C-alpha atoms as a PDB file:
ATOM      1  CA  MET A   1     -14.522  86.575 -16.771  1.00  0.00           C
ATOM      2  CA  ASN A   2     -15.947  88.631 -13.918  1.00  0.00           C
ATOM      3  CA  ARG A   3     -12.935  90.893 -14.164  1.00  0.00           C
ATOM      4  CA  LEU A   4     -13.589  91.419 -17.887  1.00  0.00           C
ATOM      5  CA  LEU A   5     -17.204  92.386 -17.119  1.00  0.00           C
ATOM      6  CA  ARG A   6     -16.100  94.933 -14.524  1.00  0.00           C
ATOM      7  CA  LEU A   7     -13.535  96.359 -16.933  1.00  0.00           C
ATOM      8  CA  SER A   8     -16.153  96.597 -19.681  1.00  0.00           C
ATOM      9  CA  LEU A   9     -18.556  98.434 -17.364  1.00  0.00           C
ATOM     10  CA  PHE A  10     -15.787 100.809 -16.314  1.00  0.00           C
ATOM     11  CA  VAL A  11     -14.850 101.564 -19.926  1.00  0.00           C
ATOM     12  CA  TYR A  12     -18.496 102.008 -20.964  1.00  0.00           C
ATOM     13  CA  ALA A  13     -19.169 104.364 -18.042  1.00  0.00           C
ATOM     14  CA  HIS A  14     -16.335 106.581 -19.313  1.00  0.00           C
ATOM     15  CA  LEU A  15     -17.357 106.130 -22.938  1.00  0.00           C
ATOM     16  CA  MET A  16     -20.768 107.544 -22.067  1.00  0.00           C
ATOM     17  CA  ARG A  17     -19.112 110.961 -21.787  1.00  0.00           C
ATOM     18  CA  VAL A  18     -19.095 111.221 -25.566  1.00  0.00           C
ATOM     19  CA  TYR A  19     -22.892 111.091 -25.700  1.00  0.00           C
ATOM     20  CA  PRO A  20     -24.785 114.408 -25.690  1.00  0.00           C
ATOM     21  CA  ALA A  21     -25.271 115.799 -22.173  1.00  0.00           C
ATOM     22  CA  ASP A  22     -29.076 115.838 -22.356  1.00  0.00           C
ATOM     23  CA  LEU A  23     -29.112 112.176 -23.370  1.00  0.00           C
ATOM     24  CA  ARG A  24     -26.798 111.270 -20.483  1.00  0.00           C
ATOM     25  CA  ARG A  25     -28.902 113.214 -17.986  1.00  0.00           C
ATOM     26  CA  GLY A  26     -32.137 111.634 -19.127  1.00  0.00           C
ATOM     27  CA  PHE A  27     -31.049 108.094 -19.845  1.00  0.00           C
ATOM     28  CA  GLY A  28     -27.508 107.622 -18.486  1.00  0.00           C
ATOM     29  CA  PRO A  29     -28.346 105.254 -15.624  1.00  0.00           C
ATOM     30  CA  ASP A  30     -30.722 103.262 -17.850  1.00  0.00           C
ATOM     31  CA  MET A  31     -28.066 102.996 -20.576  1.00  0.00           C
ATOM     32  CA  LEU A  32     -25.512 101.728 -18.066  1.00  0.00           C
ATOM     33  CA  GLU A  33     -28.007  99.221 -16.664  1.00  0.00           C
ATOM     34  CA  ALA A  34     -28.932  97.963 -20.152  1.00  0.00           C
ATOM     35  CA  PHE A  35     -25.254  97.566 -21.028  1.00  0.00           C
ATOM     36  CA  SER A  36     -24.675  95.669 -17.784  1.00  0.00           C
ATOM     37  CA  ASP A  37     -27.637  93.383 -18.503  1.00  0.00           C
ATOM     38  CA  ASP A  38     -26.378  92.737 -22.039  1.00  0.00           C
ATOM     39  CA  LEU A  39     -22.944  91.849 -20.694  1.00  0.00           C
ATOM     40  CA  SER A  40     -24.406  89.579 -18.028  1.00  0.00           C
ATOM     41  CA  SER A  41     -26.401  87.635 -20.595  1.00  0.00           C
ATOM     42  CA  ALA A  42     -23.488  87.417 -23.049  1.00  0.00           C
ATOM     43  CA  ARG A  43     -21.901  84.002 -23.375  1.00  0.00           C
ATOM     44  CA  GLY A  44     -18.144  83.945 -23.445  1.00  0.00           C
ATOM     45  CA  ILE A  45     -15.768  86.412 -24.994  1.00  0.00           C
ATOM     46  CA  GLY A  46     -17.544  86.184 -28.350  1.00  0.00           C
ATOM     47  CA  GLY A  47     -20.762  87.387 -26.726  1.00  0.00           C
ATOM     48  CA  ILE A  48     -18.975  90.238 -24.990  1.00  0.00           C
ATOM     49  CA  LEU A  49     -17.365  91.277 -28.282  1.00  0.00           C
ATOM     50  CA  CYS A  50     -20.798  91.236 -29.912  1.00  0.00           C
ATOM     51  CA  VAL A  51     -22.154  93.546 -27.177  1.00  0.00           C
ATOM     52  CA  TRP A  52     -19.191  95.887 -27.684  1.00  0.00           C
ATOM     53  CA  ARG A  53     -19.664  95.887 -31.469  1.00  0.00           C
ATOM     54  CA  THR A  54     -23.288  96.921 -31.035  1.00  0.00           C
ATOM     55  CA  THR A  55     -22.316  99.546 -28.472  1.00  0.00           C
ATOM     56  CA  LEU A  56     -19.610 101.083 -30.652  1.00  0.00           C
ATOM     57  CA  CYS A  57     -21.989 101.209 -33.634  1.00  0.00           C
ATOM     58  CA  GLU A  58     -24.440 103.052 -31.384  1.00  0.00           C
ATOM     59  CA  VAL A  59     -21.760 105.505 -30.301  1.00  0.00           C
ATOM     60  CA  ILE A  60     -20.870 106.195 -33.921  1.00  0.00           C
ATOM     61  CA  ALA A  61     -24.524 106.644 -34.888  1.00  0.00           C
ATOM     62  CA  ILE A  62     -25.544 108.859 -31.944  1.00  0.00           C
ATOM     63  CA  ALA A  63     -22.556 110.527 -30.302  1.00  0.00           C
ATOM     64  CA  LEU A  64     -20.423 111.289 -33.354  1.00  0.00           C
ATOM     65  CA  PRO A  65     -23.089 113.338 -35.203  1.00  0.00           C
ATOM     66  CA  ALA A  66     -23.782 115.298 -32.010  1.00  0.00           C
ATOM     67  CA  TRP A  67     -20.095 116.188 -31.665  1.00  0.00           C
ATOM     68  CA  LEU A  68     -19.818 117.153 -35.319  1.00  0.00           C
ATOM     69  CA  GLU A  69     -22.484 119.835 -34.791  1.00  0.00           C
ATOM     70  CA  ILE A  70     -20.075 121.694 -32.503  1.00  0.00           C
ATOM     71  CA  PRO A  71     -17.837 124.019 -34.566  1.00  0.00           C
ATOM     72  CA  THR A  72     -14.884 123.700 -32.176  1.00  0.00           C
ATOM     73  CA  VAL A  73     -14.858 119.991 -32.990  1.00  0.00           C
ATOM     74  CA  ALA A  74     -16.005 120.017 -36.606  1.00  0.00           C
ATOM     75  CA  VAL A  75     -13.571 122.638 -37.938  1.00  0.00           C
ATOM     76  CA  PRO A  76     -10.344 121.024 -36.621  1.00  0.00           C
ATOM     77  CA  LEU A  77     -11.591 117.619 -37.760  1.00  0.00           C
ATOM     78  CA  LEU A  78     -12.370 118.990 -41.208  1.00  0.00           C
ATOM     79  CA  SER A  79      -8.972 120.668 -41.329  1.00  0.00           C
ATOM     80  CA  ALA A  80      -7.197 117.422 -40.452  1.00  0.00           C
ATOM     81  CA  ALA A  81      -9.281 115.528 -43.015  1.00  0.00           C
ATOM     82  CA  ILE A  82      -8.309 118.029 -45.709  1.00  0.00           C
ATOM     83  CA  VAL A  83      -4.626 117.547 -44.881  1.00  0.00           C
ATOM     84  CA  VAL A  84      -4.981 113.768 -45.031  1.00  0.00           C
ATOM     85  CA  ALA A  85      -6.896 113.951 -48.315  1.00  0.00           C
ATOM     86  CA  SER A  86      -4.387 116.326 -49.869  1.00  0.00           C
ATOM     87  CA  GLN A  87      -1.375 114.345 -48.709  1.00  0.00           C
ATOM     88  CA  SER A  88      -2.672 110.821 -49.335  1.00  0.00           C
ATOM     89  CA  PRO A  89      -1.580 110.817 -52.996  1.00  0.00           C
ATOM     90  CA  LEU A  90       1.985 111.334 -51.747  1.00  0.00           C
ATOM     91  CA  VAL A  91       1.628 108.344 -49.410  1.00  0.00           C
ATOM     92  CA  VAL A  92       0.266 106.219 -52.272  1.00  0.00           C
ATOM     93  CA  MET A  93       3.132 107.288 -54.546  1.00  0.00           C
ATOM     94  CA  GLU A  94       5.591 106.482 -51.777  1.00  0.00           C
ATOM     95  CA  ALA A  95       4.002 103.055 -51.309  1.00  0.00           C
ATOM     96  CA  ARG A  96       4.351 102.317 -55.019  1.00  0.00           C
ATOM     97  CA  ARG A  97       7.953 103.487 -54.992  1.00  0.00           C
ATOM     98  CA  GLN A  98       8.700 101.277 -52.009  1.00  0.00           C
ATOM     99  CA  ILE A  99       7.655  98.233 -53.927  1.00  0.00           C
ATOM    100  CA  LEU A 100      10.401  99.068 -56.393  1.00  0.00           C
ATOM    101  CA  THR A 101      13.058 100.025 -53.853  1.00  0.00           C
ATOM    102  CA  PRO A 102      14.178  98.116 -50.772  1.00  0.00           C
ATOM    103  CA  TYR A 103      14.254 101.168 -48.443  1.00  0.00           C
ATOM    104  CA  PRO A 104      11.343 101.195 -45.986  1.00  0.00           C
ATOM    105  CA  ILE A 105      10.434 104.877 -45.706  1.00  0.00           C
ATOM    106  CA  LEU A 106       6.659 104.524 -46.113  1.00  0.00           C
ATOM    107  CA  ALA A 107       6.278 104.719 -42.343  1.00  0.00           C
ATOM    108  CA  ASP A 108       8.016 108.099 -42.428  1.00  0.00           C
ATOM    109  CA  ALA A 109       5.517 109.383 -45.003  1.00  0.00           C
ATOM    110  CA  ILE A 110       2.573 108.172 -42.912  1.00  0.00           C
ATOM    111  CA  ILE A 111       4.035 109.754 -39.769  1.00  0.00           C
ATOM    112  CA  ALA A 112       4.590 113.030 -41.632  1.00  0.00           C
ATOM    113  CA  VAL A 113       0.959 113.105 -42.788  1.00  0.00           C
ATOM    114  CA  GLY A 114      -0.179 112.323 -39.244  1.00  0.00           C
ATOM    115  CA  ILE A 115       1.905 115.154 -37.810  1.00  0.00           C
ATOM    116  CA  GLU A 116       0.619 117.586 -40.442  1.00  0.00           C
ATOM    117  CA  SER A 117      -2.965 116.545 -39.664  1.00  0.00           C
ATOM    118  CA  ALA A 118      -2.461 117.044 -35.949  1.00  0.00           C
ATOM    119  CA  ILE A 119      -0.891 120.467 -36.478  1.00  0.00           C
ATOM    120  CA  ALA A 120      -3.735 121.537 -38.782  1.00  0.00           C
ATOM    121  CA  ALA A 121      -6.374 120.337 -36.318  1.00  0.00           C
ATOM    122  CA  MET A 122      -4.669 122.008 -33.345  1.00  0.00           C
ATOM    123  CA  THR A 123      -4.197 125.271 -35.243  1.00  0.00           C
ATOM    124  CA  SER A 124      -7.877 125.314 -36.202  1.00  0.00           C
ATOM    125  CA  PHE A 125      -8.944 124.549 -32.651  1.00  0.00           C
ATOM    126  CA  VAL A 126      -6.770 127.310 -31.174  1.00  0.00           C
ATOM    127  CA  ALA A 127      -7.991 129.813 -33.791  1.00  0.00           C
ATOM    128  CA  ILE A 128     -11.640 129.067 -33.083  1.00  0.00           C
ATOM    129  CA  TYR A 129     -11.085 129.158 -29.333  1.00  0.00           C
ATOM    130  CA  ARG A 130      -9.289 132.510 -29.496  1.00  0.00           C
ATOM    131  CA  TRP A 131     -11.813 134.048 -31.898  1.00  0.00           C
ATOM    132  CA  LYS A 132     -14.679 132.915 -29.717  1.00  0.00           C
ATOM    133  CA  ARG A 133     -12.996 134.245 -26.599  1.00  0.00           C
ATOM    134  CA  ALA A 134     -12.234 137.600 -28.214  1.00  0.00           C
ATOM    135  CA  GLY A 135     -15.831 137.872 -29.405  1.00  0.00           C
ATOM    136  CA  LEU A 136     -14.850 137.924 -33.083  1.00  0.00           C
ATOM    137  CA  ILE A 137     -17.218 135.033 -33.810  1.00  0.00           C
ATOM    138  CA  THR A 138     -20.237 133.631 -32.054  1.00  0.00           C
ATOM    139  CA  LEU A 139     -20.932 129.962 -31.931  1.00  0.00           C
ATOM    140  CA  ARG A 140     -24.672 130.025 -31.446  1.00  0.00           C
ATOM    141  CA  ILE A 141     -25.992 126.566 -31.918  1.00  0.00           C
ATOM    142  CA  GLY A 142     -29.770 126.478 -31.882  1.00  0.00           C
END
């Protein structure tokens, strides 16, 4: 169990990188100490899982919105989401067709959508990075 606690602290210390920098500077050590105290008082694996569930909900509520304010993150994510949304009807149609046919190619459709999403996100990221570097756009976040 002690090993699981050390592993959890290690993972949480690295997970803290997704929080905004000003929050980490001001409260990072306190956050790590509070997480350690919560883990120490947790009973069994169920208690540790409960601490992690609370922690991950906090990350989603605090860190994710902060990252989405950054255009170099938001635009590729939006681009990938658009690809998934536009291609998901094809995956659904393929799933329905698979029920009628014995050939398992649904995984191929899901992989294809995943690859398209990754390409769209990477293309958007590279475009924003190059435009910012060339001075064609400014990313002033105030």
